[in-house]
Amino acid sequence: MTSARQKRKRYGAAGAAWVALVLGLTAGVPVSRAALTERIVVDWYSGLAIGGYDPVAYFTDRKQVLGSADFELRYDGVIWRFCNIGNREAFAAQPDVYMPLFGGYDPLGVARGVAVAGKPNVWLIAGGRLYLFYDQSWLEKFAADPDRLSAEAERKWPAVESTLSP
């Protein structure tokens, strides 16, 4: 066997061992498409806040509606999409009203002191605010006592937010 081939074979075995180690360490870790280090949940692939859904439509249409690239607005360091110019203007005038509370992180996770990305298709408007949840069971737990759980999440949000990038 030539020395070049022996060298390649040795590096190939080391590379395979490295891959096996990484896969072993990450087994069972859920894969998320949302960045969990940002103050606002952003889709890693598109760079859009709340997966490109129109935050105003949750209030006006009472359903999730995908926004359009024709109606984008950069606010708080991320890109928000809207389904029409009226929704974009409403958001621009009062972003704190329409943005999901806790930057789109699940309020139950926040109440526990952890940043857990909410999903745009699991949502609730309570007390005039939009909340996104990790899954339906977390939404149902929150809906059973929204005032208490929201207050707990509000209390813990500053500590959770301090762990996130600006």
N, C-alpha and C. Protein backbone atom coordinates (compact mmCIF):
# COMPACT_ATOMS: atom_id res chain seq x y z
N MET A 1 0.85 -1.17 0.00
CA MET A 1 0.00 0.00 0.00
C MET A 1 0.90 1.23 0.00
N THR A 2 0.57 2.21 -0.83
CA THR A 2 1.38 3.42 -0.91
C THR A 2 1.20 4.25 0.35
N SER A 3 2.16 5.12 0.62
CA SER A 3 2.08 5.94 1.83
C SER A 3 0.92 6.93 1.73
N ALA A 4 0.61 7.45 0.54
CA ALA A 4 -0.52 8.37 0.38
C ALA A 4 -1.83 7.66 0.70
N ARG A 5 -1.94 6.39 0.24
CA ARG A 5 -3.17 5.65 0.51
C ARG A 5 -3.30 5.34 2.00
N GLN A 6 -2.20 4.99 2.66
CA GLN A 6 -2.24 4.73 4.09
C GLN A 6 -2.68 5.98 4.87
N LYS A 7 -2.17 7.13 4.41
CA LYS A 7 -2.53 8.39 5.06
C LYS A 7 -4.02 8.67 4.91
N ARG A 8 -4.58 8.49 3.70
CA ARG A 8 -6.01 8.71 3.46
C ARG A 8 -6.84 7.76 4.30
N LYS A 9 -6.41 6.51 4.38
CA LYS A 9 -7.16 5.52 5.14
C LYS A 9 -7.19 5.89 6.63
N ARG A 10 -6.06 6.38 7.16
CA ARG A 10 -5.97 6.75 8.56
C ARG A 10 -6.90 7.94 8.84
N TYR A 11 -6.91 8.96 7.96
CA TYR A 11 -7.80 10.12 8.14
C TYR A 11 -9.26 9.73 7.98
N GLY A 12 -9.56 8.80 7.10
CA GLY A 12 -10.94 8.36 6.90
C GLY A 12 -11.49 7.69 8.15
N ALA A 13 -10.69 6.90 8.81
CA ALA A 13 -11.12 6.23 10.04
C ALA A 13 -11.34 7.25 11.16
N ALA A 14 -10.46 8.23 11.26
CA ALA A 14 -10.60 9.25 12.28
C ALA A 14 -11.86 10.08 12.02
N GLY A 15 -12.12 10.40 10.76
CA GLY A 15 -13.32 11.17 10.40
C GLY A 15 -14.58 10.40 10.74
N ALA A 16 -14.59 9.11 10.47
CA ALA A 16 -15.76 8.29 10.78
C ALA A 16 -15.99 8.22 12.28
N ALA A 17 -14.92 8.13 13.06
CA ALA A 17 -15.05 8.11 14.51
C ALA A 17 -15.61 9.45 15.01
N TRP A 18 -15.15 10.55 14.43
CA TRP A 18 -15.64 11.88 14.81
C TRP A 18 -17.14 12.00 14.52
N VAL A 19 -17.57 11.57 13.34
CA VAL A 19 -18.98 11.63 12.97
C VAL A 19 -19.81 10.77 13.92
N ALA A 20 -19.33 9.58 14.25
CA ALA A 20 -20.06 8.70 15.16
C ALA A 20 -20.19 9.35 16.54
N LEU A 21 -19.13 10.02 17.01
CA LEU A 21 -19.18 10.70 18.30
C LEU A 21 -20.22 11.82 18.29
N VAL A 22 -20.22 12.63 17.26
CA VAL A 22 -21.17 13.74 17.17
C VAL A 22 -22.60 13.20 17.11
N LEU A 23 -22.83 12.18 16.30
CA LEU A 23 -24.17 11.61 16.20
C LEU A 23 -24.61 11.00 17.53
N GLY A 24 -23.69 10.37 18.23
CA GLY A 24 -24.02 9.79 19.53
C GLY A 24 -24.39 10.85 20.56
N LEU A 25 -23.68 11.98 20.52
CA LEU A 25 -23.96 13.04 21.48
C LEU A 25 -25.26 13.76 21.20
N THR A 26 -25.67 13.79 19.93
CA THR A 26 -26.89 14.52 19.57
C THR A 26 -28.11 13.62 19.43
N ALA A 27 -27.97 12.35 19.68
CA ALA A 27 -29.12 11.44 19.56
C ALA A 27 -30.19 11.84 20.57
N GLY A 28 -31.39 11.92 20.10
CA GLY A 28 -32.51 12.25 20.96
C GLY A 28 -32.73 13.74 21.16
N VAL A 29 -31.83 14.56 20.63
CA VAL A 29 -32.01 16.01 20.74
C VAL A 29 -32.93 16.45 19.62
N PRO A 30 -34.04 17.11 19.94
CA PRO A 30 -34.97 17.52 18.90
C PRO A 30 -34.35 18.57 17.98
N VAL A 31 -34.61 18.43 16.69
CA VAL A 31 -34.12 19.37 15.71
C VAL A 31 -35.17 20.46 15.54
N SER A 32 -34.75 21.69 15.66
CA SER A 32 -35.66 22.82 15.50
C SER A 32 -35.18 23.69 14.37
N ARG A 33 -36.14 24.24 13.63
CA ARG A 33 -35.79 25.13 12.55
C ARG A 33 -35.72 26.56 13.02
N ALA A 34 -35.96 26.81 14.29
CA ALA A 34 -35.94 28.18 14.80
C ALA A 34 -34.66 28.44 15.57
N ALA A 35 -34.15 29.64 15.42
CA ALA A 35 -32.98 30.04 16.17
C ALA A 35 -33.38 30.29 17.62
N LEU A 36 -32.74 29.59 18.54
CA LEU A 36 -33.11 29.70 19.95
C LEU A 36 -32.14 30.59 20.72
N THR A 37 -31.41 31.44 20.01
CA THR A 37 -30.50 32.33 20.70
C THR A 37 -30.85 33.78 20.45
N GLU A 38 -31.86 34.04 19.67
CA GLU A 38 -32.25 35.40 19.32
C GLU A 38 -33.40 35.87 20.21
N ARG A 39 -33.54 37.18 20.39
CA ARG A 39 -34.63 37.73 21.19
C ARG A 39 -35.99 37.49 20.56
N ILE A 40 -36.01 37.35 19.24
CA ILE A 40 -37.25 37.03 18.52
C ILE A 40 -37.01 35.73 17.77
N VAL A 41 -37.95 34.81 17.84
CA VAL A 41 -37.80 33.53 17.15
C VAL A 41 -37.75 33.79 15.64
N VAL A 42 -36.68 33.33 15.02
CA VAL A 42 -36.45 33.54 13.60
C VAL A 42 -36.21 32.19 12.95
N ASP A 43 -36.82 31.97 11.80
CA ASP A 43 -36.62 30.74 11.03
C ASP A 43 -35.19 30.74 10.48
N TRP A 44 -34.43 29.69 10.76
CA TRP A 44 -33.03 29.60 10.32
C TRP A 44 -32.90 29.65 8.81
N TYR A 45 -33.81 29.02 8.12
CA TYR A 45 -33.69 28.90 6.66
C TYR A 45 -34.08 30.18 5.93
N SER A 46 -35.14 30.81 6.37
CA SER A 46 -35.64 31.99 5.65
C SER A 46 -35.20 33.30 6.29
N GLY A 47 -34.85 33.28 7.58
CA GLY A 47 -34.50 34.51 8.28
C GLY A 47 -35.70 35.35 8.65
N LEU A 48 -36.89 34.78 8.56
CA LEU A 48 -38.12 35.52 8.82
C LEU A 48 -38.63 35.31 10.24
N ALA A 49 -39.19 36.38 10.80
CA ALA A 49 -39.84 36.26 12.11
C ALA A 49 -41.11 35.43 11.95
N ILE A 50 -41.43 34.66 12.95
CA ILE A 50 -42.59 33.76 13.03
C ILE A 50 -42.87 33.03 11.72
N GLY A 51 -41.82 32.55 11.10
CA GLY A 51 -41.94 31.70 9.91
C GLY A 51 -42.54 32.40 8.70
N GLY A 52 -42.54 33.73 8.69
CA GLY A 52 -43.09 34.46 7.55
C GLY A 52 -44.59 34.68 7.62
N TYR A 53 -45.22 34.33 8.75
CA TYR A 53 -46.65 34.57 8.90
C TYR A 53 -46.90 36.02 9.29
N ASP A 54 -48.03 36.53 8.87
CA ASP A 54 -48.44 37.91 9.13
C ASP A 54 -48.94 38.01 10.57
N PRO A 55 -48.22 38.76 11.44
CA PRO A 55 -48.66 38.85 12.84
C PRO A 55 -49.98 39.59 13.02
N VAL A 56 -50.30 40.51 12.13
CA VAL A 56 -51.54 41.27 12.24
C VAL A 56 -52.74 40.40 11.88
N ALA A 57 -52.56 39.48 10.94
CA ALA A 57 -53.66 38.62 10.49
C ALA A 57 -54.20 37.73 11.62
N TYR A 58 -53.38 37.38 12.58
CA TYR A 58 -53.89 36.61 13.72
C TYR A 58 -55.03 37.37 14.40
N PHE A 59 -54.91 38.69 14.44
CA PHE A 59 -55.91 39.53 15.09
C PHE A 59 -57.09 39.84 14.16
N THR A 60 -56.78 40.20 12.92
CA THR A 60 -57.84 40.66 12.00
C THR A 60 -58.60 39.52 11.35
N ASP A 61 -57.89 38.46 10.95
CA ASP A 61 -58.51 37.33 10.26
C ASP A 61 -58.80 36.16 11.19
N ARG A 62 -58.26 36.23 12.42
CA ARG A 62 -58.42 35.15 13.40
C ARG A 62 -57.89 33.80 12.89
N LYS A 63 -56.85 33.90 12.04
CA LYS A 63 -56.17 32.69 11.55
C LYS A 63 -54.77 33.08 11.12
N GLN A 64 -53.93 32.07 10.96
CA GLN A 64 -52.57 32.34 10.50
C GLN A 64 -52.60 32.49 8.98
N VAL A 65 -51.94 33.53 8.50
CA VAL A 65 -51.89 33.82 7.07
C VAL A 65 -50.44 34.09 6.71
N LEU A 66 -49.94 33.40 5.70
CA LEU A 66 -48.57 33.64 5.26
C LEU A 66 -48.46 35.04 4.67
N GLY A 67 -47.38 35.71 5.02
CA GLY A 67 -47.11 37.02 4.46
C GLY A 67 -46.47 36.89 3.09
N SER A 68 -46.30 38.01 2.43
CA SER A 68 -45.74 38.06 1.09
C SER A 68 -44.43 38.82 1.09
N ALA A 69 -43.52 38.43 0.22
CA ALA A 69 -42.26 39.15 0.07
C ALA A 69 -42.50 40.58 -0.40
N ASP A 70 -43.66 40.84 -1.00
CA ASP A 70 -44.00 42.19 -1.46
C ASP A 70 -44.32 43.13 -0.30
N PHE A 71 -44.62 42.58 0.87
CA PHE A 71 -45.01 43.40 2.02
C PHE A 71 -44.15 43.03 3.22
N GLU A 72 -42.89 43.39 3.15
CA GLU A 72 -41.96 43.09 4.24
C GLU A 72 -41.60 44.36 4.99
N LEU A 73 -41.20 44.17 6.25
CA LEU A 73 -40.77 45.28 7.08
C LEU A 73 -39.68 44.76 8.01
N ARG A 74 -38.58 45.48 8.07
CA ARG A 74 -37.52 45.12 9.03
C ARG A 74 -37.81 45.87 10.31
N TYR A 75 -37.97 45.12 11.39
CA TYR A 75 -38.21 45.72 12.69
C TYR A 75 -37.52 44.88 13.76
N ASP A 76 -36.88 45.54 14.67
CA ASP A 76 -36.19 44.89 15.79
C ASP A 76 -35.17 43.85 15.31
N GLY A 77 -34.53 44.15 14.18
CA GLY A 77 -33.46 43.30 13.68
C GLY A 77 -33.90 42.10 12.86
N VAL A 78 -35.18 41.92 12.65
CA VAL A 78 -35.66 40.78 11.86
C VAL A 78 -36.66 41.24 10.80
N ILE A 79 -36.91 40.37 9.86
CA ILE A 79 -37.86 40.70 8.78
C ILE A 79 -39.21 40.07 9.09
N TRP A 80 -40.23 40.91 9.02
CA TRP A 80 -41.61 40.51 9.23
C TRP A 80 -42.31 40.57 7.89
N ARG A 81 -43.18 39.63 7.62
CA ARG A 81 -43.95 39.64 6.38
C ARG A 81 -45.43 39.83 6.69
N PHE A 82 -46.13 40.45 5.71
CA PHE A 82 -47.54 40.75 5.86
C PHE A 82 -48.27 40.38 4.58
N CYS A 83 -49.56 40.12 4.68
CA CYS A 83 -50.34 39.70 3.52
C CYS A 83 -50.87 40.88 2.72
N ASN A 84 -50.80 42.09 3.29
CA ASN A 84 -51.23 43.29 2.55
C ASN A 84 -50.58 44.52 3.16
N ILE A 85 -50.67 45.62 2.45
CA ILE A 85 -50.03 46.85 2.90
C ILE A 85 -50.68 47.41 4.17
N GLY A 86 -51.98 47.22 4.31
CA GLY A 86 -52.67 47.70 5.50
C GLY A 86 -52.15 47.04 6.77
N ASN A 87 -51.93 45.75 6.70
CA ASN A 87 -51.39 45.03 7.86
C ASN A 87 -49.96 45.50 8.16
N ARG A 88 -49.17 45.73 7.11
CA ARG A 88 -47.80 46.20 7.31
C ARG A 88 -47.83 47.58 8.00
N GLU A 89 -48.73 48.44 7.55
CA GLU A 89 -48.82 49.78 8.14
C GLU A 89 -49.31 49.71 9.59
N ALA A 90 -50.26 48.84 9.88
CA ALA A 90 -50.75 48.69 11.25
C ALA A 90 -49.63 48.21 12.17
N PHE A 91 -48.84 47.25 11.69
CA PHE A 91 -47.72 46.75 12.49
C PHE A 91 -46.68 47.84 12.70
N ALA A 92 -46.36 48.58 11.64
CA ALA A 92 -45.36 49.64 11.74
C ALA A 92 -45.78 50.71 12.76
N ALA A 93 -47.08 50.97 12.84
CA ALA A 93 -47.58 51.97 13.77
C ALA A 93 -47.57 51.49 15.22
N GLN A 94 -47.83 50.19 15.44
CA GLN A 94 -47.90 49.64 16.80
C GLN A 94 -47.31 48.22 16.85
N PRO A 95 -46.02 48.07 16.65
CA PRO A 95 -45.45 46.71 16.63
C PRO A 95 -45.62 45.95 17.93
N ASP A 96 -45.57 46.65 19.06
CA ASP A 96 -45.70 45.97 20.35
C ASP A 96 -47.08 45.36 20.55
N VAL A 97 -48.08 45.85 19.85
CA VAL A 97 -49.42 45.29 19.94
C VAL A 97 -49.50 43.96 19.17
N TYR A 98 -48.84 43.90 18.02
CA TYR A 98 -49.00 42.75 17.13
C TYR A 98 -47.91 41.69 17.24
N MET A 99 -46.75 42.06 17.74
CA MET A 99 -45.69 41.07 17.88
C MET A 99 -46.10 40.01 18.89
N PRO A 100 -45.71 38.75 18.65
CA PRO A 100 -46.00 37.74 19.67
C PRO A 100 -45.25 38.09 20.96
N LEU A 101 -45.93 37.90 22.07
CA LEU A 101 -45.31 38.18 23.36
C LEU A 101 -44.12 37.25 23.57
N PHE A 102 -43.13 37.72 24.27
CA PHE A 102 -41.90 36.97 24.55
C PHE A 102 -41.14 36.62 23.26
N GLY A 103 -41.30 37.46 22.22
CA GLY A 103 -40.55 37.25 20.99
C GLY A 103 -40.92 35.99 20.23
N GLY A 104 -42.05 35.40 20.57
CA GLY A 104 -42.46 34.15 19.92
C GLY A 104 -42.05 32.90 20.67
N TYR A 105 -41.46 33.08 21.84
CA TYR A 105 -41.14 31.92 22.68
C TYR A 105 -42.38 31.50 23.46
N ASP A 106 -42.48 30.21 23.71
CA ASP A 106 -43.63 29.66 24.41
C ASP A 106 -43.69 30.21 25.84
N PRO A 107 -44.83 30.76 26.25
CA PRO A 107 -44.92 31.33 27.60
C PRO A 107 -44.75 30.30 28.73
N LEU A 108 -45.09 29.05 28.48
CA LEU A 108 -44.87 28.03 29.52
C LEU A 108 -43.39 27.77 29.71
N GLY A 109 -42.64 27.74 28.61
CA GLY A 109 -41.19 27.59 28.71
C GLY A 109 -40.58 28.78 29.43
N VAL A 110 -41.02 29.98 29.07
CA VAL A 110 -40.52 31.20 29.71
C VAL A 110 -40.84 31.16 31.20
N ALA A 111 -42.06 30.74 31.56
CA ALA A 111 -42.44 30.65 32.98
C ALA A 111 -41.55 29.66 33.74
N ARG A 112 -40.98 28.70 33.02
CA ARG A 112 -40.05 27.74 33.63
C ARG A 112 -38.61 28.23 33.56
N GLY A 113 -38.41 29.39 32.92
CA GLY A 113 -37.06 29.96 32.82
C GLY A 113 -36.27 29.48 31.64
N VAL A 114 -36.96 28.96 30.61
CA VAL A 114 -36.28 28.39 29.45
C VAL A 114 -36.87 28.98 28.17
N ALA A 115 -36.01 29.25 27.18
CA ALA A 115 -36.46 29.74 25.88
C ALA A 115 -36.81 28.55 24.99
N VAL A 116 -38.10 28.33 24.77
CA VAL A 116 -38.60 27.26 23.91
C VAL A 116 -39.37 27.93 22.77
N ALA A 117 -38.92 27.73 21.55
CA ALA A 117 -39.55 28.40 20.42
C ALA A 117 -41.00 27.97 20.25
N GLY A 118 -41.86 28.97 20.11
CA GLY A 118 -43.25 28.71 19.78
C GLY A 118 -43.37 28.50 18.28
N LYS A 119 -44.43 27.85 17.88
CA LYS A 119 -44.67 27.58 16.46
C LYS A 119 -45.82 28.46 15.98
N PRO A 120 -45.70 29.02 14.78
CA PRO A 120 -46.73 29.95 14.31
C PRO A 120 -48.09 29.31 14.07
N ASN A 121 -48.15 27.98 13.98
CA ASN A 121 -49.44 27.33 13.77
C ASN A 121 -50.09 26.86 15.07
N VAL A 122 -49.46 27.15 16.21
CA VAL A 122 -50.02 26.82 17.53
C VAL A 122 -50.05 28.13 18.31
N TRP A 123 -51.19 28.79 18.29
CA TRP A 123 -51.26 30.15 18.81
C TRP A 123 -52.56 30.42 19.55
N LEU A 124 -52.54 31.53 20.30
CA LEU A 124 -53.70 31.95 21.06
C LEU A 124 -53.59 33.46 21.29
N ILE A 125 -54.72 34.14 21.18
CA ILE A 125 -54.77 35.54 21.58
C ILE A 125 -55.48 35.58 22.92
N ALA A 126 -54.78 36.07 23.93
CA ALA A 126 -55.34 36.18 25.28
C ALA A 126 -54.95 37.54 25.84
N GLY A 127 -55.91 38.22 26.41
CA GLY A 127 -55.64 39.53 26.96
C GLY A 127 -55.16 40.52 25.91
N GLY A 128 -55.60 40.32 24.68
CA GLY A 128 -55.21 41.23 23.61
C GLY A 128 -53.80 41.03 23.10
N ARG A 129 -53.14 39.92 23.47
CA ARG A 129 -51.77 39.65 23.05
C ARG A 129 -51.69 38.30 22.34
N LEU A 130 -50.77 38.20 21.39
CA LEU A 130 -50.54 36.97 20.63
C LEU A 130 -49.47 36.14 21.33
N TYR A 131 -49.80 34.88 21.58
CA TYR A 131 -48.86 33.93 22.17
C TYR A 131 -48.66 32.78 21.18
N LEU A 132 -47.42 32.33 21.03
CA LEU A 132 -47.11 31.15 20.23
C LEU A 132 -46.65 30.05 21.17
N PHE A 133 -47.01 28.80 20.85
CA PHE A 133 -46.74 27.68 21.74
C PHE A 133 -45.94 26.59 21.05
N TYR A 134 -45.23 25.83 21.86
CA TYR A 134 -44.43 24.71 21.36
C TYR A 134 -45.33 23.63 20.75
N ASP A 135 -46.42 23.31 21.41
CA ASP A 135 -47.35 22.32 20.87
C ASP A 135 -48.75 22.56 21.47
N GLN A 136 -49.70 21.79 21.00
CA GLN A 136 -51.10 21.96 21.39
C GLN A 136 -51.31 21.72 22.89
N SER A 137 -50.60 20.76 23.46
CA SER A 137 -50.80 20.48 24.88
C SER A 137 -50.34 21.66 25.74
N TRP A 138 -49.28 22.35 25.33
CA TRP A 138 -48.81 23.52 26.08
C TRP A 138 -49.82 24.66 25.94
N LEU A 139 -50.40 24.80 24.75
CA LEU A 139 -51.43 25.82 24.55
C LEU A 139 -52.62 25.55 25.48
N GLU A 140 -53.05 24.31 25.56
CA GLU A 140 -54.20 23.96 26.40
C GLU A 140 -53.91 24.21 27.88
N LYS A 141 -52.69 23.91 28.32
CA LYS A 141 -52.32 24.19 29.71
C LYS A 141 -52.37 25.70 29.98
N PHE A 142 -51.86 26.48 29.05
CA PHE A 142 -51.87 27.92 29.21
C PHE A 142 -53.29 28.46 29.21
N ALA A 143 -54.13 27.98 28.29
CA ALA A 143 -55.50 28.46 28.15
C ALA A 143 -56.32 28.18 29.41
N ALA A 144 -55.94 27.18 30.19
CA ALA A 144 -56.68 26.85 31.41
C ALA A 144 -56.51 27.94 32.48
N ASP A 145 -55.38 28.66 32.46
CA ASP A 145 -55.13 29.71 33.46
C ASP A 145 -54.19 30.77 32.87
N PRO A 146 -54.64 31.49 31.83
CA PRO A 146 -53.74 32.41 31.13
C PRO A 146 -53.24 33.57 31.99
N ASP A 147 -54.06 34.08 32.88
CA ASP A 147 -53.64 35.23 33.69
C ASP A 147 -52.46 34.87 34.60
N ARG A 148 -52.59 33.77 35.30
CA ARG A 148 -51.52 33.34 36.22
C ARG A 148 -50.26 32.98 35.47
N LEU A 149 -50.40 32.17 34.38
CA LEU A 149 -49.22 31.71 33.65
C LEU A 149 -48.54 32.85 32.89
N SER A 150 -49.32 33.78 32.39
CA SER A 150 -48.74 34.94 31.71
C SER A 150 -47.97 35.81 32.71
N ALA A 151 -48.54 36.00 33.90
CA ALA A 151 -47.85 36.79 34.93
C ALA A 151 -46.54 36.12 35.34
N GLU A 152 -46.55 34.80 35.45
CA GLU A 152 -45.33 34.06 35.81
C GLU A 152 -44.28 34.21 34.71
N ALA A 153 -44.72 34.10 33.45
CA ALA A 153 -43.79 34.25 32.33
C ALA A 153 -43.25 35.68 32.27
N GLU A 154 -44.11 36.66 32.51
CA GLU A 154 -43.66 38.07 32.54
C GLU A 154 -42.59 38.27 33.60
N ARG A 155 -42.78 37.64 34.75
CA ARG A 155 -41.82 37.77 35.85
C ARG A 155 -40.46 37.17 35.48
N LYS A 156 -40.46 36.06 34.76
CA LYS A 156 -39.21 35.37 34.43
C LYS A 156 -38.60 35.81 33.10
N TRP A 157 -39.38 36.53 32.28
CA TRP A 157 -38.89 36.92 30.95
C TRP A 157 -37.57 37.70 30.99
N PRO A 158 -37.36 38.67 31.88
CA PRO A 158 -36.09 39.38 31.86
C PRO A 158 -34.88 38.46 32.01
N ALA A 159 -34.97 37.46 32.86
CA ALA A 159 -33.85 36.53 33.04
C ALA A 159 -33.65 35.67 31.79
N VAL A 160 -34.75 35.21 31.19
CA VAL A 160 -34.65 34.41 29.96
C VAL A 160 -34.11 35.28 28.84
N GLU A 161 -34.63 36.49 28.71
CA GLU A 161 -34.22 37.39 27.64
C GLU A 161 -32.73 37.73 27.75
N SER A 162 -32.20 37.81 28.97
CA SER A 162 -30.79 38.14 29.16
C SER A 162 -29.86 37.06 28.61
N THR A 163 -30.39 35.85 28.42
CA THR A 163 -29.57 34.77 27.85
C THR A 163 -29.58 34.76 26.34
N LEU A 164 -30.42 35.61 25.74
CA LEU A 164 -30.59 35.63 24.29
C LEU A 164 -29.79 36.77 23.68
N SER A 165 -29.43 36.61 22.40
CA SER A 165 -28.66 37.64 21.69
C SER A 165 -29.57 38.80 21.33
N PRO A 166 -29.03 40.02 21.36
CA PRO A 166 -29.85 41.19 20.97
C PRO A 166 -30.13 41.20 19.48
